[in-house]
């Protein structure tokens, strides 16, 4: 039995999508790709993860001192967030180290 996306969302009681996170090895290269290819923007960049108010950070349940850079843009009512891990152990490093990439492979 095939179910439509709207019926599946209703069945699972999923809220509307409001944010998408894309893990990238280098935010600037991906920012240029989205800007030049799709004219997305303007972008807001947070260079230091700790500047957005996080005092404590954890990796797999253990305290960990890590840092990331974020670049955000709006796509209608949705926020798209590019996440570049910089230092320390994070799930984002795990993602990239496992050979995974965002859907703009080759950028």
C-alpha atoms as a PDB file:
ATOM      1  CA  UNK A   1       0.000   0.000   0.000  1.00  0.00           C
ATOM      2  CA  UNK A   2       1.420   3.335  -1.027  1.00  0.00           C
ATOM      3  CA  UNK A   3       0.739   6.321   1.188  1.00  0.00           C
ATOM      4  CA  UNK A   4       0.948   9.970   0.164  1.00  0.00           C
ATOM      5  CA  UNK A   5       3.323  12.263   2.010  1.00  0.00           C
ATOM      6  CA  UNK A   6       0.447  14.223   3.512  1.00  0.00           C
ATOM      7  CA  UNK A   7      -1.288  11.043   4.728  1.00  0.00           C
ATOM      8  CA  UNK A   8       1.987   9.724   6.149  1.00  0.00           C
ATOM      9  CA  UNK A   9       2.621  13.040   7.948  1.00  0.00           C
ATOM     10  CA  UNK A  10      -0.903  12.925   9.368  1.00  0.00           C
ATOM     11  CA  UNK A  11      -0.554   9.263  10.378  1.00  0.00           C
ATOM     12  CA  UNK A  12       2.779   9.882  12.135  1.00  0.00           C
ATOM     13  CA  UNK A  13       1.556  13.221  13.523  1.00  0.00           C
ATOM     14  CA  UNK A  14       4.605  15.005  12.178  1.00  0.00           C
ATOM     15  CA  UNK A  15       4.781  18.786  12.434  1.00  0.00           C
ATOM     16  CA  UNK A  16       5.607  20.866   9.334  1.00  0.00           C
ATOM     17  CA  UNK A  17       9.294  21.039   8.436  1.00  0.00           C
ATOM     18  CA  UNK A  18      10.728  24.335   9.693  1.00  0.00           C
ATOM     19  CA  UNK A  19      14.474  23.680   9.626  1.00  0.00           C
ATOM     20  CA  UNK A  20      16.937  21.662   7.569  1.00  0.00           C
ATOM     21  CA  UNK A  21      20.535  21.124   8.699  1.00  0.00           C
ATOM     22  CA  UNK A  22      23.234  20.313   6.148  1.00  0.00           C
ATOM     23  CA  UNK A  23      26.624  19.156   7.421  1.00  0.00           C
ATOM     24  CA  UNK A  24      29.450  20.491   5.267  1.00  0.00           C
ATOM     25  CA  UNK A  25      33.239  20.245   5.448  1.00  0.00           C
ATOM     26  CA  UNK A  26      33.638  23.889   4.333  1.00  0.00           C
ATOM     27  CA  UNK A  27      30.773  26.339   4.692  1.00  0.00           C
ATOM     28  CA  UNK A  28      32.178  28.963   2.307  1.00  0.00           C
ATOM     29  CA  UNK A  29      32.299  26.612  -0.714  1.00  0.00           C
ATOM     30  CA  UNK A  30      28.715  25.487  -0.107  1.00  0.00           C
ATOM     31  CA  UNK A  31      27.516  29.017   0.616  1.00  0.00           C
ATOM     32  CA  UNK A  32      28.863  30.111  -2.789  1.00  0.00           C
ATOM     33  CA  UNK A  33      27.226  27.128  -4.481  1.00  0.00           C
ATOM     34  CA  UNK A  34      23.777  27.921  -3.034  1.00  0.00           C
ATOM     35  CA  UNK A  35      24.148  31.639  -3.644  1.00  0.00           C
ATOM     36  CA  UNK A  36      25.358  31.337  -7.259  1.00  0.00           C
ATOM     37  CA  UNK A  37      23.243  28.335  -8.317  1.00  0.00           C
ATOM     38  CA  UNK A  38      19.923  29.142  -6.637  1.00  0.00           C
ATOM     39  CA  UNK A  39      20.289  32.819  -5.622  1.00  0.00           C
ATOM     40  CA  UNK A  40      19.601  31.827  -2.004  1.00  0.00           C
ATOM     41  CA  UNK A  41      20.329  34.354   0.684  1.00  0.00           C
ATOM     42  CA  UNK A  42      20.954  36.567   2.388  1.00  0.00           C
ATOM     43  CA  UNK A  43      23.021  34.393   4.707  1.00  0.00           C
ATOM     44  CA  UNK A  44      23.629  34.932   8.389  1.00  0.00           C
ATOM     45  CA  UNK A  45      26.830  33.397   9.724  1.00  0.00           C
ATOM     46  CA  UNK A  46      27.708  32.444  13.277  1.00  0.00           C
ATOM     47  CA  UNK A  47      31.454  31.913  13.358  1.00  0.00           C
ATOM     48  CA  UNK A  48      31.665  30.586  16.899  1.00  0.00           C
ATOM     49  CA  UNK A  49      29.209  28.033  18.286  1.00  0.00           C
ATOM     50  CA  UNK A  50      29.621  29.396  21.821  1.00  0.00           C
ATOM     51  CA  UNK A  51      28.526  32.904  20.780  1.00  0.00           C
ATOM     52  CA  UNK A  52      24.930  31.741  20.343  1.00  0.00           C
ATOM     53  CA  UNK A  53      24.590  31.030  24.045  1.00  0.00           C
ATOM     54  CA  UNK A  54      25.731  27.460  24.607  1.00  0.00           C
ATOM     55  CA  UNK A  55      27.693  27.149  27.841  1.00  0.00           C
ATOM     56  CA  UNK A  56      27.953  23.352  27.918  1.00  0.00           C
ATOM     57  CA  UNK A  57      28.419  20.891  25.097  1.00  0.00           C
ATOM     58  CA  UNK A  58      28.315  17.111  24.992  1.00  0.00           C
ATOM     59  CA  UNK A  59      29.377  14.323  22.683  1.00  0.00           C
ATOM     60  CA  UNK A  60      27.622  10.986  23.164  1.00  0.00           C
ATOM     61  CA  UNK A  61      26.654  11.904  26.720  1.00  0.00           C
ATOM     62  CA  UNK A  62      30.095  13.077  27.812  1.00  0.00           C
ATOM     63  CA  UNK A  63      31.221  16.703  28.228  1.00  0.00           C
ATOM     64  CA  UNK A  64      33.170  17.842  25.174  1.00  0.00           C
ATOM     65  CA  UNK A  65      34.620  21.188  24.189  1.00  0.00           C
ATOM     66  CA  UNK A  66      33.885  21.615  20.479  1.00  0.00           C
ATOM     67  CA  UNK A  67      33.252  24.431  18.075  1.00  0.00           C
ATOM     68  CA  UNK A  68      31.358  24.868  14.809  1.00  0.00           C
ATOM     69  CA  UNK A  69      30.520  27.521  12.251  1.00  0.00           C
ATOM     70  CA  UNK A  70      26.925  27.954  11.073  1.00  0.00           C
ATOM     71  CA  UNK A  71      25.549  29.708   8.006  1.00  0.00           C
ATOM     72  CA  UNK A  72      21.760  30.223   7.840  1.00  0.00           C
ATOM     73  CA  UNK A  73      19.355  31.362   5.173  1.00  0.00           C
ATOM     74  CA  UNK A  74      15.569  31.430   4.875  1.00  0.00           C
ATOM     75  CA  UNK A  75      13.690  29.488   2.236  1.00  0.00           C
ATOM     76  CA  UNK A  76      10.118  30.650   2.649  1.00  0.00           C
ATOM     77  CA  UNK A  77       9.098  29.704   6.182  1.00  0.00           C
ATOM     78  CA  UNK A  78      11.954  27.201   6.489  1.00  0.00           C
ATOM     79  CA  UNK A  79      15.419  27.864   7.866  1.00  0.00           C
ATOM     80  CA  UNK A  80      18.303  26.106   6.123  1.00  0.00           C
ATOM     81  CA  UNK A  81      21.406  25.722   8.258  1.00  0.00           C
ATOM     82  CA  UNK A  82      24.873  24.746   7.036  1.00  0.00           C
ATOM     83  CA  UNK A  83      26.999  23.277   9.815  1.00  0.00           C
ATOM     84  CA  UNK A  84      30.786  23.085   9.573  1.00  0.00           C
ATOM     85  CA  UNK A  85      32.443  21.282  12.494  1.00  0.00           C
ATOM     86  CA  UNK A  86      35.708  22.958  13.488  1.00  0.00           C
ATOM     87  CA  UNK A  87      37.198  21.352  16.583  1.00  0.00           C
ATOM     88  CA  UNK A  88      36.509  18.719  19.220  1.00  0.00           C
ATOM     89  CA  UNK A  89      34.470  15.537  18.850  1.00  0.00           C
ATOM     90  CA  UNK A  90      30.964  15.995  17.410  1.00  0.00           C
ATOM     91  CA  UNK A  91      28.320  13.930  15.683  1.00  0.00           C
ATOM     92  CA  UNK A  92      28.957  16.170  12.668  1.00  0.00           C
ATOM     93  CA  UNK A  93      32.602  15.033  12.496  1.00  0.00           C
ATOM     94  CA  UNK A  94      31.338  11.451  12.763  1.00  0.00           C
ATOM     95  CA  UNK A  95      29.001  12.076   9.822  1.00  0.00           C
ATOM     96  CA  UNK A  96      31.747  13.497   7.603  1.00  0.00           C
ATOM     97  CA  UNK A  97      34.370  10.949   8.718  1.00  0.00           C
ATOM     98  CA  UNK A  98      31.979   8.139   7.755  1.00  0.00           C
ATOM     99  CA  UNK A  99      32.227   9.385   4.169  1.00  0.00           C
ATOM    100  CA  UNK A 100      28.806  11.000   4.122  1.00  0.00           C
ATOM    101  CA  UNK A 101      28.247  14.257   2.344  1.00  0.00           C
ATOM    102  CA  UNK A 102      25.420  16.656   1.860  1.00  0.00           C
ATOM    103  CA  UNK A 103      23.345  16.354  -1.294  1.00  0.00           C
ATOM    104  CA  UNK A 104      25.528  18.844  -3.193  1.00  0.00           C
ATOM    105  CA  UNK A 105      28.181  16.159  -3.748  1.00  0.00           C
ATOM    106  CA  UNK A 106      31.078  17.494  -5.743  1.00  0.00           C
ATOM    107  CA  UNK A 107      30.824  21.005  -4.385  1.00  0.00           C
END
